[in-house]
C-alpha cells in the first residue's frame, strides 16, 4: 500500500505541471477557465490521496502504540 500511495503522489506531482491548459481559453460550466477547473480538480485529488494515506497508516501507528503500552505493563 505504501508503494501505491507513493506512486500516486508521483503521478499527481507530474500532473500538477499542466502545460496543456496554459493557453487554452475554453470554459467549464460556461464561466470557469479550464486551467482553474483543472487545479480545483487536482486539489480534490490531492486531498483524497492524503486521506487515503492517513487511513492506510493510522491503524499501523495505533497498533504499534498499543503494543508498546501493553509491553510496559
Protein backbone atom coordinates (compact mmCIF):
# COMPACT_ATOMS: atom_id res chain seq x y z
CA UNK A 1 0.00 0.00 0.00
CA UNK A 2 2.86 2.33 0.80
CA UNK A 3 4.29 1.97 -2.70
CA UNK A 4 0.92 2.62 -4.32
CA UNK A 5 0.46 5.82 -2.32
CA UNK A 6 3.97 6.96 -3.23
CA UNK A 7 3.31 6.19 -6.91
CA UNK A 8 0.02 8.11 -6.82
CA UNK A 9 1.81 11.08 -5.25
CA UNK A 10 4.39 10.99 -8.03
CA UNK A 11 1.64 10.89 -10.66
CA UNK A 12 -0.05 13.87 -9.03
CA UNK A 13 3.26 15.74 -8.98
CA UNK A 14 3.66 15.18 -12.72
CA UNK A 15 0.04 16.13 -13.43
CA UNK A 16 0.45 19.34 -11.45
CA UNK A 17 2.52 20.81 -14.28
CA UNK A 18 -0.40 21.34 -16.63
CA UNK A 19 1.25 22.93 -19.65
CA UNK A 20 -1.55 21.59 -21.86
CA UNK A 21 -4.10 24.07 -20.40
CA UNK A 22 -1.79 27.08 -20.18
CA UNK A 23 -3.06 28.86 -23.30
CA UNK A 24 -6.48 27.20 -23.53
CA UNK A 25 -9.39 29.65 -23.32
CA UNK A 26 -12.20 27.09 -23.02
CA UNK A 27 -14.69 27.49 -20.19
CA UNK A 28 -16.12 24.76 -17.99
CA UNK A 29 -19.76 25.25 -16.91
CA UNK A 30 -19.74 28.38 -19.04
CA UNK A 31 -17.68 30.56 -16.67
CA UNK A 32 -14.73 28.67 -15.13
CA UNK A 33 -11.50 28.68 -17.15
CA UNK A 34 -10.33 25.14 -17.80
CA UNK A 35 -6.96 25.76 -16.13
CA UNK A 36 -8.67 26.85 -12.92
CA UNK A 37 -11.04 23.89 -13.12
CA UNK A 38 -8.05 21.56 -13.53
CA UNK A 39 -6.37 22.97 -10.44
CA UNK A 40 -9.58 22.63 -8.43
CA UNK A 41 -9.87 19.01 -9.53
CA UNK A 42 -6.19 18.48 -8.76
CA UNK A 43 -6.71 19.86 -5.25
CA UNK A 44 -9.59 17.46 -4.63
CA UNK A 45 -7.47 14.54 -5.86
CA UNK A 46 -4.57 15.59 -3.63
CA UNK A 47 -6.91 15.80 -0.62
CA UNK A 48 -8.31 12.34 -1.38
CA UNK A 49 -4.81 10.92 -1.69
CA UNK A 50 -3.86 12.45 1.65
CA UNK A 51 -6.99 10.97 3.26
CA UNK A 52 -6.19 7.51 1.85
CA UNK A 53 -2.60 7.79 3.08
CA UNK A 54 -3.72 8.69 6.59
CA UNK A 55 -6.37 5.98 6.68
CA UNK A 56 -3.88 3.39 5.45
CA UNK A 57 -1.25 4.25 8.06
CA UNK A 58 -3.19 5.30 11.15
CA UNK A 59 -4.10 1.72 12.03
CA UNK A 60 -0.44 0.68 11.90
CA UNK A 61 0.60 3.56 14.16
CA UNK A 62 -2.21 2.94 16.65
CA UNK A 63 -1.48 -0.79 16.86
CA UNK A 64 2.25 -0.13 17.44
CA UNK A 65 1.38 2.33 20.18
CA UNK A 66 -0.97 -0.15 21.85
CA UNK A 67 1.64 -2.91 21.67
CA UNK A 68 4.23 -0.67 23.34
CA UNK A 69 1.83 0.22 26.14
CA UNK A 70 0.96 -3.45 26.70
CA UNK A 71 4.60 -4.48 26.87
CA UNK A 72 5.30 -1.89 29.59
CA UNK A 73 2.55 -3.17 31.88
